[in-house]
C-alpha atoms as a PDB file:
ATOM      1  CA  MET A   1       0.139  -0.331  -0.039  1.00  0.00           C
ATOM      2  CA  THR A   2       1.489   3.332  -1.625  1.00  0.00           C
ATOM      3  CA  SER A   3       0.043   6.406   0.222  1.00  0.00           C
ATOM      4  CA  THR A   4      -1.384   9.512  -1.604  1.00  0.00           C
ATOM      5  CA  PRO A   5       0.411  13.065  -1.658  1.00  0.00           C
ATOM      6  CA  ASP A   6      -2.177  14.365   1.474  1.00  0.00           C
ATOM      7  CA  GLN A   7      -0.959  11.614   3.200  1.00  0.00           C
ATOM      8  CA  ASP A   8       2.676  12.680   3.222  1.00  0.00           C
ATOM      9  CA  HIS A   9       1.460  15.426   4.517  1.00  0.00           C
ATOM     10  CA  VAL A  10      -0.323  14.166   7.363  1.00  0.00           C
ATOM     11  CA  ALA A  11       2.045  11.399   8.455  1.00  0.00           C
ATOM     12  CA  ALA A  12       3.274  11.646  11.682  1.00  0.00           C
ATOM     13  CA  GLY A  13       6.739  12.617  13.026  1.00  0.00           C
ATOM     14  CA  ASN A  14       9.027  10.169  15.301  1.00  0.00           C
ATOM     15  CA  GLY A  15       6.475  10.508  17.893  1.00  0.00           C
ATOM     16  CA  GLY A  16       4.723   7.539  16.801  1.00  0.00           C
ATOM     17  CA  GLY A  17       1.113   8.782  16.248  1.00  0.00           C
ATOM     18  CA  VAL A  18      -0.566  10.704  13.207  1.00  0.00           C
ATOM     19  CA  ALA A  19      -0.871  14.727  13.271  1.00  0.00           C
ATOM     20  CA  THR A  20      -3.387  17.124  11.417  1.00  0.00           C
ATOM     21  CA  LEU A  21      -1.829  19.253   9.379  1.00  0.00           C
ATOM     22  CA  ASP A  22      -1.170  22.746  11.030  1.00  0.00           C
ATOM     23  CA  PRO A  23      -2.550  25.833   8.921  1.00  0.00           C
ATOM     24  CA  ASP A  24       0.906  27.491   8.804  1.00  0.00           C
ATOM     25  CA  GLU A  25       2.798  25.040   6.997  1.00  0.00           C
ATOM     26  CA  LEU A  26       0.079  25.067   4.147  1.00  0.00           C
ATOM     27  CA  PRO A  27       2.080  26.983   1.024  1.00  0.00           C
ATOM     28  CA  THR A  28       0.997  30.078   0.506  1.00  0.00           C
ATOM     29  CA  ALA A  29       1.215  32.575  -2.256  1.00  0.00           C
ATOM     30  CA  ALA A  30       4.719  34.077  -0.982  1.00  0.00           C
ATOM     31  CA  THR A  31       6.211  30.559  -0.404  1.00  0.00           C
ATOM     32  CA  ARG A  32       5.429  29.630  -4.248  1.00  0.00           C
ATOM     33  CA  THR A  33       7.311  33.146  -5.730  1.00  0.00           C
ATOM     34  CA  VAL A  34      10.242  32.811  -3.401  1.00  0.00           C
ATOM     35  CA  PRO A  35      12.037  29.822  -6.123  1.00  0.00           C
ATOM     36  CA  TRP A  36      10.721  31.648  -8.790  1.00  0.00           C
ATOM     37  CA  LEU A  37      12.173  34.554  -7.579  1.00  0.00           C
ATOM     38  CA  ARG A  38      15.429  33.396  -6.953  1.00  0.00           C
ATOM     39  CA  ILE A  39      16.316  31.616  -9.752  1.00  0.00           C
ATOM     40  CA  GLY A  40      15.605  35.087 -11.313  1.00  0.00           C
ATOM     41  CA  VAL A  41      18.088  36.591  -9.200  1.00  0.00           C
ATOM     42  CA  ILE A  42      20.548  33.245 -10.823  1.00  0.00           C
ATOM     43  CA  ALA A  43      19.544  34.015 -14.414  1.00  0.00           C
ATOM     44  CA  ALA A  44      20.704  37.717 -13.549  1.00  0.00           C
ATOM     45  CA  LEU A  45      23.170  37.162 -11.658  1.00  0.00           C
ATOM     46  CA  ILE A  46      24.529  34.513 -14.557  1.00  0.00           C
ATOM     47  CA  VAL A  47      23.206  37.643 -17.433  1.00  0.00           C
ATOM     48  CA  VAL A  48      26.491  39.353 -15.366  1.00  0.00           C
ATOM     49  CA  ALA A  49      28.473  37.410 -15.117  1.00  0.00           C
ATOM     50  CA  ILE A  50      28.636  36.731 -19.180  1.00  0.00           C
ATOM     51  CA  VAL A  51      28.679  40.532 -19.439  1.00  0.00           C
ATOM     52  CA  LEU A  52      32.091  40.347 -17.243  1.00  0.00           C
ATOM     53  CA  ALA A  53      33.249  37.673 -19.391  1.00  0.00           C
ATOM     54  CA  TYR A  54      33.223  39.600 -22.721  1.00  0.00           C
ATOM     55  CA  VAL A  55      34.218  42.504 -21.007  1.00  0.00           C
ATOM     56  CA  ARG A  56      37.427  40.541 -20.004  1.00  0.00           C
ATOM     57  CA  ALA A  57      37.738  38.459 -23.249  1.00  0.00           C
ATOM     58  CA  GLY A  58      37.541  40.704 -25.480  1.00  0.00           C
ATOM     59  CA  SER A  59      35.615  38.674 -28.186  1.00  0.00           C
ATOM     60  CA  GLY A  60      31.444  37.703 -28.406  1.00  0.00           C
ATOM     61  CA  VAL A  61      32.999  33.895 -29.678  1.00  0.00           C
ATOM     62  CA  VAL A  62      35.146  32.751 -26.960  1.00  0.00           C
ATOM     63  CA  VAL A  63      32.339  33.636 -24.583  1.00  0.00           C
ATOM     64  CA  VAL A  64      29.570  32.614 -26.191  1.00  0.00           C
ATOM     65  CA  GLN A  65      31.900  28.633 -27.003  1.00  0.00           C
ATOM     66  CA  ALA A  66      32.845  28.885 -23.094  1.00  0.00           C
ATOM     67  CA  VAL A  67      28.893  29.402 -22.157  1.00  0.00           C
ATOM     68  CA  THR A  68      28.070  26.609 -24.366  1.00  0.00           C
ATOM     69  CA  THR A  69      30.600  24.209 -23.635  1.00  0.00           C
ATOM     70  CA  GLY A  70      29.564  24.935 -20.074  1.00  0.00           C
ATOM     71  CA  ILE A  71      25.904  24.327 -20.753  1.00  0.00           C
ATOM     72  CA  LEU A  72      26.548  20.983 -22.254  1.00  0.00           C
ATOM     73  CA  ILE A  73      28.947  19.464 -19.074  1.00  0.00           C
ATOM     74  CA  GLY A  74      26.141  21.139 -16.636  1.00  0.00           C
ATOM     75  CA  GLY A  75      23.773  18.839 -17.599  1.00  0.00           C
ATOM     76  CA  ILE A  76      25.869  15.836 -17.302  1.00  0.00           C
ATOM     77  CA  TYR A  77      27.194  17.456 -13.415  1.00  0.00           C
ATOM     78  CA  GLY A  78      23.341  17.727 -13.365  1.00  0.00           C
ATOM     79  CA  LEU A  79      22.458  14.202 -14.525  1.00  0.00           C
ATOM     80  CA  VAL A  80      25.239  12.699 -11.801  1.00  0.00           C
ATOM     81  CA  ALA A  81      24.085  15.410  -8.841  1.00  0.00           C
ATOM     82  CA  MET A  82      20.589  14.333  -8.793  1.00  0.00           C
ATOM     83  CA  GLY A  83      21.236  10.763  -8.120  1.00  0.00           C
ATOM     84  CA  LEU A  84      23.510  11.839  -5.451  1.00  0.00           C
ATOM     85  CA  THR A  85      21.088  14.174  -3.631  1.00  0.00           C
ATOM     86  CA  LEU A  86      18.401  11.535  -4.369  1.00  0.00           C
ATOM     87  CA  ILE A  87      20.056   9.501  -2.033  1.00  0.00           C
ATOM     88  CA  PHE A  88      20.915  11.828   0.775  1.00  0.00           C
ATOM     89  CA  GLY A  89      17.531  13.286   0.034  1.00  0.00           C
ATOM     90  CA  VAL A  90      15.823   9.779   1.137  1.00  0.00           C
ATOM     91  CA  LEU A  91      18.687   7.522   2.559  1.00  0.00           C
ATOM     92  CA  ASP A  92      20.198  10.343   4.749  1.00  0.00           C
ATOM     93  CA  ILE A  93      23.709   8.550   3.787  1.00  0.00           C
ATOM     94  CA  VAL A  94      26.129  10.959   2.044  1.00  0.00           C
ATOM     95  CA  ASN A  95      27.555   8.555  -0.503  1.00  0.00           C
ATOM     96  CA  PHE A  96      31.297   8.771  -1.402  1.00  0.00           C
ATOM     97  CA  ALA A  97      31.098   5.857  -3.951  1.00  0.00           C
ATOM     98  CA  HIS A  98      29.106   7.728  -6.382  1.00  0.00           C
ATOM     99  CA  GLY A  99      31.888   8.360  -8.146  1.00  0.00           C
ATOM    100  CA  SER A 100      32.799   5.174  -8.283  1.00  0.00           C
ATOM    101  CA  PHE A 101      29.860   3.843  -9.412  1.00  0.00           C
ATOM    102  CA  LEU A 102      30.497   6.605 -12.527  1.00  0.00           C
ATOM    103  CA  ALA A 103      33.908   4.882 -13.228  1.00  0.00           C
ATOM    104  CA  LEU A 104      32.054   1.292 -13.077  1.00  0.00           C
ATOM    105  CA  ALA A 105      30.030   2.108 -15.846  1.00  0.00           C
ATOM    106  CA  LEU A 106      32.824   3.663 -17.945  1.00  0.00           C
ATOM    107  CA  PHE A 107      34.607   0.407 -18.098  1.00  0.00           C
ATOM    108  CA  LEU A 108      31.270  -1.107 -18.628  1.00  0.00           C
ATOM    109  CA  THR A 109      30.314   1.105 -21.457  1.00  0.00           C
ATOM    110  CA  PHE A 110      34.279   0.864 -22.618  1.00  0.00           C
ATOM    111  CA  GLY A 111      33.570  -3.265 -22.600  1.00  0.00           C
ATOM    112  CA  LEU A 112      30.665  -3.377 -24.135  1.00  0.00           C
ATOM    113  CA  THR A 113      31.714  -0.960 -26.823  1.00  0.00           C
ATOM    114  CA  GLN A 114      35.055  -3.424 -27.978  1.00  0.00           C
ATOM    115  CA  ALA A 115      32.458  -6.288 -28.443  1.00  0.00           C
ATOM    116  CA  GLY A 116      30.821  -4.539 -31.387  1.00  0.00           C
ATOM    117  CA  LEU A 117      27.922  -2.564 -28.845  1.00  0.00           C
ATOM    118  CA  HIS A 118      27.038   0.847 -30.009  1.00  0.00           C
ATOM    119  CA  VAL A 119      28.112   3.156 -26.753  1.00  0.00           C
ATOM    120  CA  TYR A 120      24.733   4.693 -26.644  1.00  0.00           C
ATOM    121  CA  LEU A 121      23.027   1.366 -26.888  1.00  0.00           C
ATOM    122  CA  ALA A 122      25.054   0.624 -23.576  1.00  0.00           C
ATOM    123  CA  LEU A 123      22.950   2.692 -22.048  1.00  0.00           C
ATOM    124  CA  ALA A 124      20.968  -0.540 -22.266  1.00  0.00           C
ATOM    125  CA  VAL A 125      23.141  -2.757 -20.456  1.00  0.00           C
ATOM    126  CA  SER A 126      24.849  -0.179 -18.220  1.00  0.00           C
ATOM    127  CA  VAL A 127      21.985   1.591 -16.412  1.00  0.00           C
ATOM    128  CA  PRO A 128      19.954  -1.739 -15.009  1.00  0.00           C
ATOM    129  CA  ALA A 129      23.611  -3.556 -14.153  1.00  0.00           C
ATOM    130  CA  MET A 130      24.081  -0.402 -11.939  1.00  0.00           C
ATOM    131  CA  PHE A 131      20.354  -0.034 -10.733  1.00  0.00           C
ATOM    132  CA  LEU A 132      21.280  -4.410 -10.046  1.00  0.00           C
ATOM    133  CA  LEU A 133      24.162  -2.723  -8.095  1.00  0.00           C
ATOM    134  CA  GLY A 134      23.068  -0.200  -6.544  1.00  0.00           C
ATOM    135  CA  VAL A 135      20.485  -3.161  -5.179  1.00  0.00           C
ATOM    136  CA  LEU A 136      22.929  -5.450  -3.774  1.00  0.00           C
ATOM    137  CA  VAL A 137      24.680  -2.844  -2.343  1.00  0.00           C
ATOM    138  CA  GLN A 138      22.555  -0.779  -0.482  1.00  0.00           C
ATOM    139  CA  ARG A 139      20.793  -4.367   0.908  1.00  0.00           C
ATOM    140  CA  GLY A 140      23.985  -5.848   1.506  1.00  0.00           C
ATOM    141  CA  ILE A 141      26.047  -3.547   2.590  1.00  0.00           C
ATOM    142  CA  LEU A 142      24.709   0.023   3.749  1.00  0.00           C
ATOM    143  CA  ALA A 143      21.149  -1.198   5.509  1.00  0.00           C
ATOM    144  CA  GLY A 144      22.703  -1.846   8.679  1.00  0.00           C
ATOM    145  CA  ALA A 145      24.495   1.610   8.778  1.00  0.00           C
ATOM    146  CA  MET A 146      21.179   2.716   8.571  1.00  0.00           C
ATOM    147  CA  GLY A 147      20.596   5.476  11.654  1.00  0.00           C
ATOM    148  CA  LYS A 148      23.989   4.745  12.513  1.00  0.00           C
ATOM    149  CA  PRO A 149      26.555   8.126  13.034  1.00  0.00           C
ATOM    150  CA  LEU A 150      27.380   9.872  10.126  1.00  0.00           C
ATOM    151  CA  GLU A 151      30.650   8.480  10.288  1.00  0.00           C
ATOM    152  CA  ASN A 152      29.983   4.881  10.237  1.00  0.00           C
ATOM    153  CA  GLN A 153      28.440   5.442   7.079  1.00  0.00           C
ATOM    154  CA  LEU A 154      31.404   8.103   5.586  1.00  0.00           C
ATOM    155  CA  LEU A 155      34.019   5.216   6.246  1.00  0.00           C
ATOM    156  CA  ILE A 156      31.600   2.315   4.459  1.00  0.00           C
ATOM    157  CA  THR A 157      30.567   4.253   1.333  1.00  0.00           C
ATOM    158  CA  LEU A 158      34.508   5.616   1.126  1.00  0.00           C
ATOM    159  CA  GLY A 159      35.747   2.004   1.554  1.00  0.00           C
ATOM    160  CA  ILE A 160      33.195   0.569  -1.312  1.00  0.00           C
ATOM    161  CA  SER A 161      35.123   3.681  -3.582  1.00  0.00           C
ATOM    162  CA  LEU A 162      38.633   2.275  -2.641  1.00  0.00           C
ATOM    163  CA  ILE A 163      37.567  -1.382  -3.328  1.00  0.00           C
ATOM    164  CA  ILE A 164      35.691  -0.560  -6.289  1.00  0.00           C
ATOM    165  CA  GLU A 165      38.843   1.897  -8.101  1.00  0.00           C
ATOM    166  CA  ASN A 166      41.208  -0.974  -6.691  1.00  0.00           C
ATOM    167  CA  ALA A 167      39.245  -3.864  -8.402  1.00  0.00           C
ATOM    168  CA  LEU A 168      39.313  -1.619 -11.561  1.00  0.00           C
ATOM    169  CA  LEU A 169      43.292  -0.939 -11.839  1.00  0.00           C
ATOM    170  CA  LEU A 170      43.279  -5.030 -10.621  1.00  0.00           C
ATOM    171  CA  PHE A 171      41.761  -6.129 -13.845  1.00  0.00           C
ATOM    172  CA  PHE A 172      42.016  -3.043 -16.249  1.00  0.00           C
ATOM    173  CA  GLY A 173      45.587  -1.801 -15.279  1.00  0.00           C
ATOM    174  CA  ALA A 174      46.208   2.244 -14.943  1.00  0.00           C
ATOM    175  CA  ASN A 175      46.428   2.670 -19.011  1.00  0.00           C
ATOM    176  CA  PRO A 176      44.016   4.900 -19.901  1.00  0.00           C
ATOM    177  CA  ARG A 177      41.391   3.724 -22.144  1.00  0.00           C
ATOM    178  CA  SER A 178      38.882   5.512 -24.574  1.00  0.00           C
ATOM    179  CA  VAL A 179      35.574   5.134 -26.383  1.00  0.00           C
ATOM    180  CA  ALA A 180      34.971   6.011 -30.007  1.00  0.00           C
ATOM    181  CA  LEU A 181      31.809   7.619 -31.125  1.00  0.00           C
ATOM    182  CA  SER A 182      31.877   7.140 -35.244  1.00  0.00           C
ATOM    183  CA  GLY A 183      30.914  10.034 -37.207  1.00  0.00           C
ATOM    184  CA  ASP A 184      31.490  12.608 -34.337  1.00  0.00           C
ATOM    185  CA  ARG A 185      31.973  15.535 -35.346  1.00  0.00           C
ATOM    186  CA  GLY A 186      31.889  19.591 -34.827  1.00  0.00           C
ATOM    187  CA  VAL A 187      28.332  20.885 -34.754  1.00  0.00           C
ATOM    188  CA  PRO A 188      28.402  24.834 -35.021  1.00  0.00           C
ATOM    189  CA  ILE A 189      25.841  26.232 -32.841  1.00  0.00           C
ATOM    190  CA  PHE A 190      25.235  29.950 -33.128  1.00  0.00           C
ATOM    191  CA  GLU A 191      29.365  31.144 -32.775  1.00  0.00           C
ATOM    192  CA  ALA A 192      30.134  28.171 -31.325  1.00  0.00           C
ATOM    193  CA  VAL A 193      31.198  24.694 -32.293  1.00  0.00           C
ATOM    194  CA  ALA A 194      30.407  21.668 -29.988  1.00  0.00           C
ATOM    195  CA  ASN A 195      31.721  18.041 -30.559  1.00  0.00           C
ATOM    196  CA  LEU A 196      28.004  16.029 -31.734  1.00  0.00           C
ATOM    197  CA  SER A 197      29.110  13.214 -28.703  1.00  0.00           C
ATOM    198  CA  ARG A 198      28.997  15.910 -26.423  1.00  0.00           C
ATOM    199  CA  ILE A 199      25.634  17.253 -27.683  1.00  0.00           C
ATOM    200  CA  LEU A 200      23.935  13.937 -27.473  1.00  0.00           C
ATOM    201  CA  ALA A 201      25.445  13.466 -23.867  1.00  0.00           C
ATOM    202  CA  PHE A 202      23.748  16.403 -22.950  1.00  0.00           C
ATOM    203  CA  VAL A 203      20.401  16.033 -24.714  1.00  0.00           C
ATOM    204  CA  GLY A 204      20.536  12.126 -22.587  1.00  0.00           C
ATOM    205  CA  ALA A 205      21.043  13.601 -19.380  1.00  0.00           C
ATOM    206  CA  LEU A 206      18.019  16.222 -20.055  1.00  0.00           C
ATOM    207  CA  LEU A 207      16.199  13.285 -20.652  1.00  0.00           C
ATOM    208  CA  LEU A 208      17.106  11.429 -18.091  1.00  0.00           C
ATOM    209  CA  ALA A 209      16.421  13.293 -15.397  1.00  0.00           C
ATOM    210  CA  GLY A 210      13.535  14.737 -17.006  1.00  0.00           C
ATOM    211  CA  LEU A 211      12.143  10.681 -16.446  1.00  0.00           C
ATOM    212  CA  LEU A 212      13.419  10.641 -12.818  1.00  0.00           C
ATOM    213  CA  TYR A 213      11.715  13.639 -12.100  1.00  0.00           C
ATOM    214  CA  LEU A 214       8.165  12.660 -13.638  1.00  0.00           C
ATOM    215  CA  LEU A 215       9.206   9.028 -11.647  1.00  0.00           C
ATOM    216  CA  LEU A 216       9.670  10.635  -8.559  1.00  0.00           C
ATOM    217  CA  GLN A 217       5.923  13.200  -9.063  1.00  0.00           C
ATOM    218  CA  ARG A 218       3.806  11.491 -11.222  1.00  0.00           C
ATOM    219  CA  THR A 219       4.159   7.414  -9.939  1.00  0.00           C
ATOM    220  CA  ARG A 220       3.068   5.790  -6.994  1.00  0.00           C
ATOM    221  CA  LEU A 221       6.725   4.792  -6.538  1.00  0.00           C
ATOM    222  CA  GLY A 222       7.341   8.245  -6.416  1.00  0.00           C
ATOM    223  CA  THR A 223       5.247   9.315  -3.956  1.00  0.00           C
ATOM    224  CA  ALA A 224       6.493   6.619  -1.878  1.00  0.00           C
ATOM    225  CA  ILE A 225       9.955   7.459  -2.311  1.00  0.00           C
ATOM    226  CA  ARG A 226       8.607  11.028  -1.548  1.00  0.00           C
ATOM    227  CA  ALA A 227       6.877  10.080   1.229  1.00  0.00           C
ATOM    228  CA  VAL A 228       9.830   8.311   2.968  1.00  0.00           C
ATOM    229  CA  ALA A 229      11.985  11.642   2.262  1.00  0.00           C
ATOM    230  CA  ALA A 230       9.581  13.526   4.228  1.00  0.00           C
ATOM    231  CA  ASN A 231       9.016  10.847   7.633  1.00  0.00           C
ATOM    232  CA  ASP A 232      10.030   7.769   6.956  1.00  0.00           C
ATOM    233  CA  THR A 233       8.259   6.947  10.200  1.00  0.00           C
ATOM    234  CA  GLY A 234       4.868   8.304   8.828  1.00  0.00           C
ATOM    235  CA  ALA A 235       5.511   6.519   5.639  1.00  0.00           C
ATOM    236  CA  GLN A 236       5.396   2.777   7.633  1.00  0.00           C
ATOM    237  CA  LEU A 237       2.324   4.057   9.102  1.00  0.00           C
ATOM    238  CA  VAL A 238       0.417   4.009   6.241  1.00  0.00           C
ATOM    239  CA  GLY A 239       1.564   0.821   4.838  1.00  0.00           C
ATOM    240  CA  ILE A 240       4.925   2.039   3.241  1.00  0.00           C
ATOM    241  CA  ASP A 241       8.134  -0.762   3.081  1.00  0.00           C
ATOM    242  CA  THR A 242      10.652   1.236   3.787  1.00  0.00           C
ATOM    243  CA  ARG A 243      13.178  -1.095   3.148  1.00  0.00           C
ATOM    244  CA  VAL A 244      12.208  -1.743  -0.327  1.00  0.00           C
ATOM    245  CA  ILE A 245      12.100   2.104  -0.930  1.00  0.00           C
ATOM    246  CA  TYR A 246      15.780   2.440   0.286  1.00  0.00           C
ATOM    247  CA  ALA A 247      16.728   0.006  -2.053  1.00  0.00           C
ATOM    248  CA  VAL A 248      14.895   0.911  -4.510  1.00  0.00           C
ATOM    249  CA  THR A 249      16.093   4.799  -4.166  1.00  0.00           C
ATOM    250  CA  PHE A 250      19.849   3.898  -4.023  1.00  0.00           C
ATOM    251  CA  ALA A 251      19.803   2.026  -7.038  1.00  0.00           C
ATOM    252  CA  LEU A 252      18.050   4.768  -8.693  1.00  0.00           C
ATOM    253  CA  GLY A 253      20.716   7.297  -7.570  1.00  0.00           C
ATOM    254  CA  THR A 254      23.231   4.317  -8.830  1.00  0.00           C
ATOM    255  CA  ALA A 255      21.755   4.252 -12.248  1.00  0.00           C
ATOM    256  CA  CYS A 256      21.913   8.054 -12.971  1.00  0.00           C
ATOM    257  CA  ALA A 257      25.682   7.294 -12.256  1.00  0.00           C
ATOM    258  CA  GLY A 258      25.806   4.679 -14.603  1.00  0.00           C
ATOM    259  CA  ALA A 259      23.678   6.582 -17.122  1.00  0.00           C
ATOM    260  CA  ALA A 260      26.079   9.694 -16.669  1.00  0.00           C
ATOM    261  CA  GLY A 261      29.649   7.168 -17.363  1.00  0.00           C
ATOM    262  CA  THR A 262      28.263   5.719 -20.518  1.00  0.00           C
ATOM    263  CA  LEU A 263      27.362   9.582 -22.107  1.00  0.00           C
ATOM    264  CA  VAL A 264      30.407  10.634 -21.087  1.00  0.00           C
ATOM    265  CA  ALA A 265      32.295   7.667 -22.310  1.00  0.00           C
ATOM    266  CA  PRO A 266      33.403   9.359 -25.548  1.00  0.00           C
ATOM    267  CA  LEU A 267      34.297  12.722 -23.767  1.00  0.00           C
ATOM    268  CA  VAL A 268      37.008  11.532 -21.412  1.00  0.00           C
ATOM    269  CA  THR A 269      39.905   9.450 -20.710  1.00  0.00           C
ATOM    270  CA  ILE A 270      38.424   6.226 -19.095  1.00  0.00           C
ATOM    271  CA  GLU A 271      41.126   5.087 -16.101  1.00  0.00           C
ATOM    272  CA  PRO A 272      39.917   3.817 -12.373  1.00  0.00           C
ATOM    273  CA  THR A 273      39.683   7.003 -10.810  1.00  0.00           C
ATOM    274  CA  THR A 274      38.427   8.718 -13.677  1.00  0.00           C
ATOM    275  CA  GLY A 275      35.106   8.906 -11.254  1.00  0.00           C
ATOM    276  CA  SER A 276      36.498  10.612  -7.872  1.00  0.00           C
ATOM    277  CA  LEU A 277      36.633  14.513 -10.459  1.00  0.00           C
ATOM    278  CA  PHE A 278      33.036  13.950 -10.756  1.00  0.00           C
ATOM    279  CA  ASN A 279      32.623  12.851  -7.361  1.00  0.00           C
ATOM    280  CA  ILE A 280      34.054  15.843  -5.994  1.00  0.00           C
ATOM    281  CA  VAL A 281      31.966  18.291  -8.599  1.00  0.00           C
ATOM    282  CA  ALA A 282      28.948  15.979  -8.092  1.00  0.00           C
ATOM    283  CA  PHE A 283      28.698  17.535  -3.931  1.00  0.00           C
ATOM    284  CA  VAL A 284      29.720  20.319  -4.632  1.00  0.00           C
ATOM    285  CA  VAL A 285      26.422  20.645  -6.957  1.00  0.00           C
ATOM    286  CA  VAL A 286      24.434  19.012  -4.567  1.00  0.00           C
ATOM    287  CA  VAL A 287      25.931  21.467  -1.508  1.00  0.00           C
ATOM    288  CA  LEU A 288      25.169  24.236  -3.830  1.00  0.00           C
ATOM    289  CA  GLY A 289      21.403  23.010  -5.334  1.00  0.00           C
ATOM    290  CA  GLY A 290      20.913  22.554  -1.601  1.00  0.00           C
ATOM    291  CA  MET A 291      20.779  18.745  -0.179  1.00  0.00           C
ATOM    292  CA  GLY A 292      17.937  16.661  -1.283  1.00  0.00           C
ATOM    293  CA  ASN A 293      16.675  18.965  -3.607  1.00  0.00           C
ATOM    294  CA  VAL A 294      16.434  16.611  -6.894  1.00  0.00           C
ATOM    295  CA  VAL A 295      15.461  19.340  -9.119  1.00  0.00           C
ATOM    296  CA  GLY A 296      18.229  22.031  -7.550  1.00  0.00           C
ATOM    297  CA  ALA A 297      20.850  19.623  -8.818  1.00  0.00           C
ATOM    298  CA  LEU A 298      20.040  19.806 -12.285  1.00  0.00           C
ATOM    299  CA  VAL A 299      20.014  23.613 -11.765  1.00  0.00           C
ATOM    300  CA  GLY A 300      23.381  23.751  -9.768  1.00  0.00           C
ATOM    301  CA  GLY A 301      24.981  21.221 -12.121  1.00  0.00           C
ATOM    302  CA  LEU A 302      24.736  23.946 -15.298  1.00  0.00           C
ATOM    303  CA  ILE A 303      25.789  26.770 -13.000  1.00  0.00           C
ATOM    304  CA  ILE A 304      28.802  24.355 -11.734  1.00  0.00           C
ATOM    305  CA  GLY A 305      29.268  23.879 -15.759  1.00  0.00           C
ATOM    306  CA  LEU A 306      29.098  27.851 -16.747  1.00  0.00           C
ATOM    307  CA  ALA A 307      31.628  28.621 -13.262  1.00  0.00           C
ATOM    308  CA  GLU A 308      33.947  26.418 -14.753  1.00  0.00           C
ATOM    309  CA  GLN A 309      33.567  27.534 -18.281  1.00  0.00           C
ATOM    310  CA  LEU A 310      33.432  31.289 -17.377  1.00  0.00           C
ATOM    311  CA  GLY A 311      36.185  30.864 -14.661  1.00  0.00           C
ATOM    312  CA  GLY A 312      38.460  29.958 -17.899  1.00  0.00           C
ATOM    313  CA  ILE A 313      38.410  33.214 -18.967  1.00  0.00           C
ATOM    314  CA  TYR A 314      38.663  34.971 -15.408  1.00  0.00           C
ATOM    315  CA  LEU A 315      41.339  33.163 -14.520  1.00  0.00           C
ATOM    316  CA  PRO A 316      43.216  32.284 -17.356  1.00  0.00           C
ATOM    317  CA  GLY A 317      46.238  29.229 -16.566  1.00  0.00           C
ATOM    318  CA  GLN A 318      44.309  28.009 -13.687  1.00  0.00           C
ATOM    319  CA  SER A 319      42.566  25.233 -12.721  1.00  0.00           C
ATOM    320  CA  PRO A 320      38.637  24.584 -13.883  1.00  0.00           C
ATOM    321  CA  LEU A 321      38.134  23.918 -10.645  1.00  0.00           C
ATOM    322  CA  LEU A 322      39.553  26.569  -8.936  1.00  0.00           C
ATOM    323  CA  SER A 323      36.544  28.843 -10.086  1.00  0.00           C
ATOM    324  CA  VAL A 324      34.307  25.917  -8.925  1.00  0.00           C
ATOM    325  CA  PHE A 325      34.957  26.288  -5.775  1.00  0.00           C
ATOM    326  CA  ILE A 326      35.109  29.617  -5.746  1.00  0.00           C
ATOM    327  CA  VAL A 327      31.503  29.543  -6.606  1.00  0.00           C
ATOM    328  CA  PHE A 328      31.073  27.012  -4.416  1.00  0.00           C
ATOM    329  CA  VAL A 329      32.581  28.944  -1.288  1.00  0.00           C
ATOM    330  CA  LEU A 330      30.752  31.886  -1.869  1.00  0.00           C
ATOM    331  CA  VAL A 331      26.994  30.330  -1.825  1.00  0.00           C
ATOM    332  CA  LEU A 332      27.940  28.479   1.330  1.00  0.00           C
ATOM    333  CA  PHE A 333      28.935  31.795   3.017  1.00  0.00           C
ATOM    334  CA  LEU A 334      26.120  33.797   1.830  1.00  0.00           C
ATOM    335  CA  ARG A 335      23.175  30.975   1.418  1.00  0.00           C
ATOM    336  CA  PRO A 336      24.933  27.191   3.880  1.00  0.00           C
ATOM    337  CA  GLN A 337      21.381  25.642   2.937  1.00  0.00           C
ATOM    338  CA  GLY A 338      22.186  26.153  -0.898  1.00  0.00           C
ATOM    339  CA  LEU A 339      20.277  27.947  -3.573  1.00  0.00           C
ATOM    340  CA  PHE A 340      16.853  26.076  -3.216  1.00  0.00           C
ATOM    341  CA  ARG A 341      15.653  24.090   0.335  1.00  0.00           C
ATOM    342  CA  ARG A 342      15.688  20.704   0.886  1.00  0.00           C
ATOM    343  CA  SER A 343      12.436  18.977  -0.748  1.00  0.00           C
ATOM    344  CA  ALA A 344      11.102  15.375  -0.969  1.00  0.00           C
END
């Protein structure tokens, strides 16, 4: 039995009873417009950043190229972060192994393409495989860590990450590998040029992110997931099996990492440690967008993608991560809870 949206709001707290909804908690017109106002402010700041980048570069072509590349890579960052923030929002687990799952999907995609399968058809294998792995990891390892101190969870997920990375190193060695997309070419976009593989990865990431959002908002499973995220005790009172929801949610998160790994396979050098960079960026995106906010993760991914590329104009010769962390620190200082509130 799953809950209805109304039941999500009346579910009990940790006390074990059922309480009525406080009228003060009902959304008002003011609370509904706040996110839109915030989005407007963010958009205005992005426009200002682009204008300043143009002044700095003195070339519109350079800025258009940076913005185009930033948006395209930001979509991938958003997909990776959506899986990570979904896991945190429901299970309250900070998953340090998320990037390693992405690396595992990269090598799986590499193996499938070597066997003759088209790189994007590999999604039909990598996503279910990573989903199944997520179920096994959650039920076999992480279930015992639920409700335990945070440091226990961090050490467990860090241990899983190290096991995956070293297993990949053992079986595949340290030599970098790559996946080629047949017919890959430069595609003109306004005054910029983007590889077809990068465009397809962005489109695929947005489609999968949209499917995940629809799953969470328009299905009975999604209603159950949101109910558990809002109040796991109340969800149990209305008949939701939280153990199943925890396993499915973690599996969905790892499936997002798997999908992202396959989509970026033609764009990156495939090594056992490739997932570490995505892991760092994904954590920044999750905090930026609001811990547990799936839509915020997608928006945060786009912002970080733009910051990474525009930072190359402001700070030439520096690591792209420098501008990412500058934005990260500014957001933490001005709005520690992230740009968007935590949402069930």
